[in-house]
Protein backbone atom coordinates (compact mmCIF):
# COMPACT_ATOMS: atom_id res chain seq x y z
CA MET A 1 -20.20 -0.76 -24.81
CA ASN A 2 -23.38 0.45 -26.05
CA ILE A 3 -24.01 3.48 -23.88
CA SER A 4 -22.73 6.88 -24.57
CA ILE A 5 -19.66 8.53 -22.74
CA GLN A 6 -21.91 10.86 -20.44
CA ASP A 7 -23.56 8.12 -19.35
CA ILE A 8 -20.20 6.31 -18.23
CA GLU A 9 -19.11 9.53 -16.26
CA ASP A 10 -22.54 9.72 -14.83
CA ARG A 11 -22.36 6.58 -13.57
CA ILE A 12 -18.82 6.78 -12.20
CA ILE A 13 -19.58 9.69 -10.05
CA GLY A 14 -22.77 8.04 -9.21
CA HIS A 15 -20.77 4.97 -8.03
CA LEU A 16 -18.14 7.40 -6.05
CA LEU A 17 -21.13 9.01 -4.10
CA CYS A 18 -22.62 5.93 -3.13
CA ASP A 19 -19.70 3.60 -2.45
CA GLY A 20 -17.21 6.19 -0.91
CA LYS A 21 -13.54 5.96 -0.22
CA LYS A 22 -13.17 2.48 -1.50
CA ALA A 23 -14.39 3.22 -4.76
CA THR A 24 -12.79 6.76 -4.92
CA LEU A 25 -9.49 5.05 -4.44
CA GLU A 26 -10.03 2.33 -7.27
CA ALA A 27 -11.04 4.95 -9.41
CA CYS A 28 -8.12 7.58 -9.18
CA SER A 29 -5.92 4.59 -9.74
CA LEU A 30 -7.04 4.85 -13.35
CA ILE A 31 -8.50 8.05 -14.14
CA ASP A 32 -8.09 11.47 -13.23
CA GLU A 33 -10.50 14.75 -13.50
CA THR A 34 -9.04 15.73 -16.66
CA ASP A 35 -10.33 12.63 -18.26
CA PHE A 36 -13.97 13.94 -17.93
CA SER A 37 -15.67 15.62 -20.92
CA ASP A 38 -18.33 16.63 -18.57
CA PRO A 39 -17.20 19.52 -16.47
CA ALA A 40 -19.52 18.90 -13.99
CA CYS A 41 -18.19 15.43 -13.57
CA SER A 42 -14.75 16.56 -13.55
CA ILE A 43 -15.21 18.89 -10.56
CA LEU A 44 -17.18 16.52 -8.67
CA PHE A 45 -14.38 13.61 -9.23
CA GLY A 46 -11.91 16.29 -8.07
CA VAL A 47 -13.84 16.68 -4.70
CA CYS A 48 -14.24 13.05 -4.03
CA VAL A 49 -10.47 12.96 -4.44
CA ALA A 50 -9.85 15.95 -2.36
CA LEU A 51 -12.04 14.44 0.39
CA VAL A 52 -10.05 11.24 0.34
CA SER A 53 -6.69 12.68 0.35
CA GLN A 54 -8.32 14.67 3.78
CA HIS A 55 -9.24 11.46 5.31
CA LYS A 56 -12.97 12.24 5.03
CA SER A 57 -15.80 10.24 4.21
CA VAL A 58 -17.08 10.53 0.55
CA ASP A 59 -20.84 10.71 -0.05
CA VAL A 60 -23.28 13.33 -1.17
CA LEU A 61 -23.22 15.41 2.11
CA SER A 62 -19.64 15.60 2.18
CA VAL A 63 -19.28 16.82 -1.30
CA HIS A 64 -22.17 19.23 -0.41
CA GLN A 65 -20.11 20.78 2.38
CA PHE A 66 -16.96 20.67 0.65
CA LEU A 67 -18.24 22.67 -2.13
CA GLN A 68 -19.73 25.51 0.21
CA ASN A 69 -16.89 25.58 2.23
CA ASN A 70 -14.47 26.24 -0.62
CA VAL A 71 -16.10 28.71 -2.82
CA GLU A 72 -13.03 30.85 -3.09
CA LYS A 73 -10.62 28.27 -3.71
CA LEU A 74 -12.55 26.42 -6.25
CA GLY A 75 -13.45 29.60 -7.98
CA THR A 76 -10.97 29.08 -11.29
CA HIS A 77 -12.54 25.33 -11.41
CA PHE A 78 -15.97 26.87 -12.09
CA GLN A 79 -14.55 28.78 -15.34
CA LYS A 80 -15.34 25.03 -16.92
CA LEU A 81 -18.97 25.78 -16.13
CA SER A 82 -19.16 28.45 -18.86
CA SER A 83 -23.19 28.41 -18.70
CA PHE A 84 -23.03 29.82 -14.76
CA THR A 85 -21.94 33.39 -14.19
CA ASP A 86 -20.84 33.04 -10.79
CA ALA A 87 -19.32 30.65 -8.55
CA LYS A 88 -22.09 30.33 -6.00
CA THR A 89 -24.66 29.85 -8.72
CA ALA A 90 -22.22 26.94 -10.25
CA ILE A 91 -22.18 25.29 -6.29
CA ASN A 92 -25.86 25.38 -6.08
CA ASN A 93 -26.01 23.43 -9.73
CA LEU A 94 -23.38 21.30 -8.94
CA ILE A 95 -25.15 20.10 -5.55
CA LEU A 96 -28.25 19.27 -7.42
CA ARG A 97 -26.25 17.34 -9.83
CA ALA A 98 -24.24 15.47 -7.34
CA THR A 99 -27.82 14.63 -5.60
CA ASP A 100 -29.39 13.49 -9.08
CA LEU A 101 -26.35 11.18 -9.88
CA ALA A 102 -26.08 9.62 -6.40
CA THR A 103 -29.87 9.04 -6.66
CA MET A 104 -29.98 7.83 -10.31
CA TYR A 105 -27.21 5.21 -9.57
CA ALA A 106 -28.71 3.90 -6.30
CA THR A 107 -32.20 3.63 -7.82
CA ARG A 108 -31.64 2.40 -11.54
CA GLY A 109 -29.86 -0.80 -10.99
CA TYR A 110 -26.85 0.42 -12.85
CA SER A 111 -23.97 -2.09 -13.20
CA ASN A 112 -21.47 -1.88 -10.39
CA ASP A 113 -18.47 -2.63 -12.61
CA LEU A 114 -16.55 0.77 -11.48
CA LEU A 115 -13.40 -0.54 -13.00
CA THR A 116 -14.77 -1.29 -16.34
CA ASN A 117 -16.27 2.13 -16.45
CA CYS A 118 -13.01 3.73 -15.53
CA LYS A 119 -11.13 1.94 -17.75
CA TYR A 120 -13.40 2.77 -20.73
CA LEU A 121 -13.30 6.13 -20.09
CA ARG A 122 -9.85 6.28 -20.03
CA GLN A 123 -9.40 4.50 -23.11
CA GLU A 124 -11.83 6.80 -24.94
CA THR A 125 -10.11 10.01 -23.52
CA GLU A 126 -6.86 8.77 -24.71
CA ARG A 127 -8.08 7.65 -28.03
CA LYS A 128 -9.38 11.22 -28.67
CA LYS A 129 -6.06 12.71 -27.62
CA ALA A 130 -4.13 10.68 -29.77
CA GLN A 131 -6.29 11.47 -32.55
CA GLU A 132 -6.10 15.08 -31.52
CA ILE A 133 -2.12 14.99 -31.56
CA ILE A 134 -1.93 13.13 -35.07
CA LEU A 135 -4.51 15.35 -36.74
CA SER A 136 -2.77 18.49 -35.41
CA ALA A 137 0.69 16.95 -36.87
CA GLY A 138 -1.21 16.57 -40.20
CA THR A 139 -2.22 20.17 -40.18
CA LYS A 140 1.13 21.45 -39.48
CA LEU A 141 2.47 19.30 -42.40
CA ASN A 142 -0.04 20.82 -44.51
CA ASP A 143 1.00 24.29 -43.39
CA GLY A 144 4.53 23.62 -44.66
CA ILE A 145 6.12 23.37 -41.11
CA GLU A 146 9.57 21.07 -41.50
CA VAL A 147 8.75 17.26 -41.07
CA GLU A 148 11.52 17.04 -38.27
CA THR A 149 9.83 19.37 -36.11
CA VAL A 150 6.46 18.07 -36.57
CA ILE A 151 7.32 14.46 -35.98
CA GLU A 152 9.40 15.81 -32.60
CA GLU A 153 6.38 17.59 -31.19
CA ALA A 154 3.90 14.89 -32.07
CA ALA A 155 6.37 12.07 -30.24
CA ARG A 156 6.92 14.32 -27.37
CA GLU A 157 3.15 14.59 -26.70
CA LEU A 158 2.51 10.84 -27.81
CA ILE A 159 5.37 9.88 -24.91
CA THR A 160 3.33 12.06 -22.26
CA LEU A 161 0.29 10.52 -23.06
CA SER A 162 1.42 6.90 -22.94
CA ALA A 163 3.28 7.99 -19.66
CA LYS A 164 -0.16 8.97 -18.39
CA SER A 165 -1.81 6.09 -19.70
CA GLN A 166 0.68 3.28 -18.04
CA ASN A 167 0.28 5.49 -14.71
CA ILE A 168 4.17 6.56 -14.68
CA LYS A 169 4.65 8.91 -12.12
CA SER A 170 5.70 12.28 -12.55
CA TYR A 171 9.50 13.67 -12.00
CA THR A 172 10.65 15.73 -8.83
CA HIS A 173 12.85 18.75 -9.66
CA LEU A 174 16.23 18.24 -7.33
CA GLU A 175 15.27 21.36 -5.46
CA ASP A 176 12.21 20.17 -4.28
CA ALA A 177 13.70 16.73 -3.43
CA PHE A 178 16.28 18.78 -1.16
CA ASP A 179 13.16 20.48 0.25
CA GLU A 180 11.52 17.35 1.38
CA ALA A 181 14.88 15.56 2.65
CA ILE A 182 15.56 18.86 4.64
CA LYS A 183 11.50 18.56 5.99
CA GLU A 184 11.90 15.19 6.93
CA THR A 185 14.90 15.75 8.63
CA GLU A 186 13.61 19.04 10.63
CA ASP A 187 10.39 16.82 11.52
CA GLU A 188 13.14 14.13 13.35
CA ILE A 189 14.84 16.68 15.06
CA ALA A 190 11.52 18.23 16.33
CA GLY A 191 10.66 14.98 17.60
CA LYS A 192 7.48 14.12 15.08
CA VAL A 193 7.25 10.23 14.30
CA VAL A 194 9.61 9.60 11.11
CA ARG A 195 10.00 5.95 12.10
CA LEU A 196 8.02 3.18 14.01
CA SER A 197 9.63 1.00 16.83
CA THR A 198 9.26 -2.93 16.14
CA GLY A 199 9.17 -3.43 19.89
CA PHE A 200 12.73 -4.98 19.91
CA HIS A 201 15.19 -2.22 21.19
CA ASP A 202 18.18 -3.74 19.80
CA LEU A 203 16.40 -4.62 16.35
CA ASP A 204 15.69 -0.74 16.24
CA ARG A 205 19.09 0.20 17.00
CA ILE A 206 20.33 -2.11 13.93
CA ILE A 207 17.67 -0.85 11.46
CA TYR A 208 17.11 2.55 12.99
CA GLY A 209 13.30 1.59 13.18
CA LEU A 210 10.90 0.94 10.80
CA GLU A 211 11.11 4.11 7.97
CA LYS A 212 8.14 5.44 6.03
CA GLY A 213 8.03 4.27 2.43
CA ARG A 214 10.33 1.20 2.84
CA LEU A 215 9.82 -2.46 2.07
CA TYR A 216 10.90 -4.72 4.64
CA CYS A 217 11.15 -8.37 4.47
CA ILE A 218 11.30 -11.04 7.27
CA ALA A 219 12.15 -14.61 5.66
CA ALA A 220 12.42 -18.10 7.45
CA GLU A 221 11.53 -21.71 7.00
CA GLU A 222 8.05 -23.07 7.52
CA LYS A 223 6.96 -23.35 11.53
CA ILE A 224 9.93 -21.15 12.62
CA GLY A 225 8.07 -18.29 13.92
CA LYS A 226 8.32 -15.68 11.47
CA SER A 227 4.57 -14.71 11.40
CA LEU A 228 4.43 -14.69 15.38
CA LEU A 229 7.38 -12.09 15.26
CA SER A 230 5.69 -9.79 12.53
CA TYR A 231 2.36 -9.92 14.41
CA GLN A 232 4.35 -8.81 17.45
CA ILE A 233 5.82 -6.15 15.73
CA GLY A 234 2.27 -4.82 14.66
CA LEU A 235 0.85 -5.22 18.06
CA ASN A 236 3.97 -3.33 19.41
CA SER A 237 3.33 -0.54 16.76
CA ALA A 238 -0.54 -0.17 17.67
CA SER A 239 0.28 -0.28 21.51
CA LYS A 240 1.78 3.26 20.77
CA GLY A 241 -1.12 4.34 19.00
CA ASN A 242 0.20 4.11 15.69
CA PRO A 243 -2.71 2.54 13.51
CA SER A 244 -1.53 -0.74 12.28
CA ALA A 245 -2.71 -3.44 9.79
CA ILE A 246 -2.35 -7.18 8.97
CA ILE A 247 -3.05 -8.88 5.88
CA SER A 248 -2.88 -12.80 7.23
CA MET A 249 -3.27 -15.29 4.21
CA GLU A 250 -2.25 -17.94 6.97
CA MET A 251 -4.20 -17.34 10.43
CA LYS A 252 -7.76 -16.28 11.11
CA ALA A 253 -8.17 -13.07 13.04
CA SER A 254 -9.57 -15.02 15.67
CA GLU A 255 -6.45 -17.15 15.73
CA ILE A 256 -4.22 -14.28 15.86
CA ALA A 257 -5.91 -13.08 19.10
CA LYS A 258 -5.61 -16.59 20.37
CA ARG A 259 -1.71 -16.21 19.99
CA PHE A 260 -1.79 -12.60 21.57
CA ALA A 261 -3.37 -14.04 24.30
CA GLY A 262 -1.06 -17.16 24.56
CA VAL A 263 -3.98 -20.15 24.23
CA ASN A 264 -4.33 -22.74 22.34
CA SER A 265 -6.53 -25.96 21.82
CA GLY A 266 -4.55 -27.99 24.52
CA GLN A 267 -5.32 -25.68 27.46
CA GLU A 268 -8.58 -26.28 29.55
CA ALA A 269 -11.71 -24.16 27.98
CA LEU A 270 -12.38 -22.11 30.78
CA HIS A 271 -8.65 -21.09 31.32
CA ARG A 272 -8.59 -20.16 27.33
CA LEU A 273 -11.69 -18.39 28.04
CA ASN A 274 -10.44 -16.02 31.08
CA ALA A 275 -7.20 -15.45 29.38
CA LEU A 276 -8.69 -14.17 26.18
CA LYS A 277 -11.32 -11.57 27.93
CA LYS A 278 -8.43 -10.40 30.30
CA LEU A 279 -6.28 -9.69 27.32
CA LYS A 280 -9.26 -8.20 25.51
CA ALA A 281 -9.57 -5.74 28.28
CA GLU A 282 -6.07 -4.77 28.20
CA ILE A 283 -5.20 -4.68 24.53
CA GLY A 284 -8.77 -4.78 22.66
CA LYS A 285 -8.92 -0.86 21.82
CA TYR A 286 -5.40 -0.96 20.18
CA PRO A 287 -5.66 0.64 16.60
CA LEU A 288 -4.94 -2.98 14.97
CA PHE A 289 -6.74 -4.11 11.98
CA ILE A 290 -6.79 -7.69 10.66
CA ARG A 291 -7.75 -9.01 7.05
CA ASP A 292 -7.95 -12.75 6.72
CA GLY A 293 -8.41 -15.30 4.35
CA SER A 294 -7.14 -16.03 0.78
CA ALA A 295 -6.50 -13.03 -1.58
CA ASN A 296 -5.14 -12.68 -5.19
CA GLN A 297 -2.97 -9.71 -5.96
CA GLY A 298 -5.65 -7.43 -6.63
CA LYS A 299 -7.31 -7.92 -3.20
CA VAL A 300 -4.24 -7.45 -1.47
CA PHE A 301 -3.67 -4.18 -3.12
CA ILE A 302 -7.58 -3.10 -2.85
CA THR A 303 -7.38 -3.82 0.95
CA ILE A 304 -4.08 -1.75 1.55
CA HIS A 305 -5.94 1.04 -0.18
CA LYS A 306 -8.98 0.59 2.16
CA LEU A 307 -7.09 0.53 5.25
CA TYR A 308 -4.73 3.49 4.31
CA ALA A 309 -8.02 5.36 3.32
CA GLU A 310 -10.31 4.24 6.16
CA LYS A 311 -7.92 3.74 9.08
CA GLN A 312 -5.15 6.15 8.14
CA VAL A 313 -2.88 2.75 8.97
CA GLU A 314 0.95 3.79 9.47
CA LEU A 315 2.28 0.40 9.37
CA LEU A 316 1.19 -2.75 7.28
CA ILE A 317 2.19 -6.41 7.48
CA VAL A 318 1.44 -9.00 4.78
CA ASP A 319 1.54 -12.60 5.84
CA TYR A 320 2.89 -14.20 3.59
CA LEU A 321 4.18 -13.93 -0.04
CA GLN A 322 3.74 -17.74 -0.99
CA LEU A 323 0.18 -17.98 0.07
CA ILE A 324 -1.07 -15.13 -2.40
CA GLU A 325 -3.25 -16.47 -5.30
CA LEU A 326 -1.61 -16.10 -8.59
CA GLN A 327 -3.58 -15.88 -11.80
CA GLY A 328 -1.22 -17.63 -14.27
CA LYS A 329 1.19 -20.42 -14.58
CA ASP A 330 4.32 -18.44 -14.44
CA ARG A 331 4.71 -18.17 -10.73
CA VAL A 332 8.18 -16.58 -10.33
CA ASN A 333 7.20 -13.73 -12.73
CA GLU A 334 3.79 -12.99 -11.03
CA VAL A 335 5.68 -13.28 -7.47
CA ASN A 336 8.18 -10.76 -8.52
CA ASP A 337 5.64 -8.39 -10.12
CA PHE A 338 3.91 -8.41 -6.74
CA VAL A 339 6.87 -7.54 -4.95
CA GLY A 340 7.74 -4.77 -7.26
CA LYS A 341 4.17 -3.25 -6.96
CA LEU A 342 4.32 -3.73 -3.13
CA LYS A 343 7.65 -1.72 -3.17
CA GLY A 344 6.01 0.97 -5.09
CA LEU A 345 2.81 1.28 -2.91
CA ALA A 346 4.86 1.70 0.52
CA MET A 347 6.41 4.77 -1.32
CA ASP A 348 3.34 6.06 -2.79
CA LEU A 349 1.46 5.84 0.63
CA ASN A 350 4.65 6.77 2.40
CA ILE A 351 4.12 3.86 5.13
CA PRO A 352 6.43 0.94 6.10
CA ILE A 353 5.21 -2.41 4.71
CA VAL A 354 6.73 -5.50 6.18
CA LEU A 355 6.14 -8.85 3.77
CA ILE A 356 6.82 -12.19 5.31
CA SER A 357 8.52 -14.72 2.91
CA ALA A 358 9.24 -18.52 3.09
CA VAL A 359 12.57 -19.84 2.26
CA LEU A 360 13.31 -23.20 0.12
CA ASN A 361 13.67 -25.82 2.84
CA LYS A 362 15.24 -28.16 0.62
CA GLN A 363 18.41 -25.79 -0.23
CA LEU A 364 18.60 -25.58 3.57
CA SER A 365 18.62 -29.27 4.24
CA HIS A 366 21.85 -29.59 2.59
CA ARG A 367 23.61 -27.54 5.04
CA ASN A 368 24.68 -28.52 8.46
CA ASP A 369 23.68 -25.33 10.15
CA ARG A 370 20.51 -24.34 7.86
CA LYS A 371 21.10 -20.95 7.81
CA PRO A 372 19.27 -19.14 5.27
CA THR A 373 20.79 -16.83 2.59
CA PRO A 374 19.33 -14.35 0.08
CA ALA A 375 19.49 -17.04 -2.67
CA ASP A 376 16.86 -19.24 -0.73
CA LEU A 377 13.90 -17.10 -1.14
CA ARG A 378 11.28 -19.09 -2.51
CA ASP A 379 9.57 -18.20 -5.89
CA THR A 380 11.26 -15.01 -6.33
CA GLY A 381 14.28 -13.38 -7.66
CA ARG A 382 13.50 -9.76 -6.92
CA LEU A 383 12.39 -9.80 -3.20
CA ALA A 384 16.34 -9.61 -2.08
CA ASN A 385 16.93 -6.72 -4.11
CA ASP A 386 13.55 -4.85 -3.87
CA ALA A 387 13.32 -4.95 0.01
CA ASP A 388 14.99 -2.13 1.55
CA CYS A 389 15.84 -4.29 4.36
CA LEU A 390 16.08 -8.23 4.14
CA MET A 391 15.97 -10.37 7.45
CA PHE A 392 16.05 -13.94 8.09
CA LEU A 393 14.74 -15.82 11.02
CA TRP A 394 16.31 -19.09 12.10
CA LYS A 395 17.18 -21.57 14.69
CA PRO A 396 21.14 -21.83 15.13
CA ASP A 397 21.17 -23.89 18.15
CA GLU A 398 20.28 -27.54 17.85
CA GLN A 399 20.42 -28.29 21.50
CA ASP A 400 17.68 -25.56 22.11
CA GLU A 401 14.73 -25.23 20.17
CA ASN A 402 13.19 -21.80 21.64
CA TYR A 403 16.43 -19.90 21.07
CA LEU A 404 16.06 -18.01 17.62
CA GLU A 405 18.49 -15.46 15.98
CA LEU A 406 17.27 -12.68 13.64
CA PHE A 407 19.77 -11.17 11.56
CA VAL A 408 19.80 -8.38 8.91
CA ALA A 409 21.23 -9.86 5.74
CA ARG A 410 20.67 -6.96 3.28
CA SER A 411 19.58 -2.99 3.98
CA ARG A 412 19.95 0.00 2.03
CA TYR A 413 19.97 2.50 4.75
CA SER A 414 20.92 0.50 7.84
CA LYS A 415 23.57 -1.60 9.43
CA LEU A 416 23.70 -5.33 9.33
CA GLY A 417 23.52 -7.16 12.66
CA ARG A 418 21.50 -9.69 14.54
CA ILE A 419 19.63 -9.90 17.75
CA GLY A 420 18.79 -13.08 20.00
CA LEU A 421 14.86 -13.95 20.62
CA PHE A 422 13.76 -16.48 22.93
CA LEU A 423 10.26 -18.19 22.16
CA ASP A 424 8.19 -19.17 25.05
CA PRO A 425 6.63 -22.26 24.10
CA GLU A 426 3.58 -21.81 26.52
CA THR A 427 2.68 -18.19 25.35
CA LEU A 428 3.94 -18.50 21.88
CA LYS A 429 5.32 -14.76 22.54
CA LEU A 430 9.05 -13.56 21.47
CA SER A 431 11.25 -11.79 23.67
CA GLN A 432 14.77 -10.48 23.07
CA THR A 433 17.36 -12.34 24.89
CA GLU A 434 21.34 -12.52 24.89
CA LEU A 435 22.89 -13.48 21.83
CA ARG A 436 24.82 -16.84 21.76
CA ASP A 437 27.96 -17.09 20.23
CA LEU A 438 27.59 -20.83 18.28
CA GLY A 439 30.64 -19.87 15.82
CA SER A 440 28.43 -18.57 13.25
CA SER A 441 29.29 -14.48 12.96
CA SER A 442 28.71 -14.01 9.16
CA TYR A 443 26.41 -11.02 9.76
CA GLN A 444 28.14 -9.33 12.55
CA SER A 445 29.27 -6.48 10.44
CA THR A 446 27.75 -3.05 11.38
CA GLU A 447 28.87 -1.43 8.15
CA PHE A 448 26.21 -0.17 5.65
CA LYS A 449 25.17 -2.40 2.89
CA ARG A 450 24.74 -0.90 -0.49
CA PHE A 451 23.05 -2.95 -3.16
């Protein structure tokens, strides 16, 4: 780049103040306030991140209010601004600076490539810090400090810098881990929501509901009903007031609404219209958000962050794995990489994510019962191990196309088991029904499956 670091920092802050939460989430995935050499930009970046963490909007007015309402809390940060004698003066100047940067970004036609600017800033910061570490090591060697000691100290500092560069999460002390576990258990005893219901009580009994920070997978052959099942879980969650979201690469949002209403193109148009209007009046206000259309890995993750920041979603459904657009030719490695990142995102955002996946039809065709196994998952070797709970949907009864069975094949934190489901061919809705004994009971165990 031919522009200065100061210009880069100004453009980043101006971009955040103009584009809000989405831009802030994108930026903080690459940089933090310590990457800024300008103290004012460093503080303003920290304020933007604080606003997002509090589920507030990010704009000039919100920054102004935050600064004015947190004079005492921010006091130590203003020591960075040595040119000002007190926090109040510093706040007034920061407010003016924020206004100037937002106006400058909005009026001068700057490039809106936020990620490029953030990556450049991070690289320059890392280069500068690496140089400082190496120069400091050279100075210590010239001062006669033992070579082994200098190398050990420099290596430790470079490893720390490398960890930050690769966004490696910091550690948690064992005592803090116990504190977190105790708080979660106390919240559960107090009746606070820890797990979300799927809406199918027998499934909740087996998996103990959908737990925060977990990755769940529902897999099946094509046209079995895996998408319908996941959409119903999302709708059931939203009906309880829990903001939920569906990222669909298979159906348009309007098509999903039609599925909820149980209408199809074979029905008379007036009947469909009345059914849609009736259901809209009943459930249209539920906090369920749908993002449809094609998407690559980057778009999926940006969408998830946007939904989490703007709608505070508590459940996310991704439908489905094999429809995600890939960039390279090595499909298996890219899919595995996506699964690993999705699992990490569930943990970072502390929400349950339900991922839908297809299985290999060719492998099932060689079996009499067509019952899927973890080895049948398409395009991925990691999903069976990365998912905290792996479930399969299949049709075990050749005589009844509308009877389905959902079974938990693997789970880290719950029992294994199975439930019966009935698919209403008219409304295309799934309901729980009595299990049938069809001579296939390989997943009836209620023991924990560790893997």
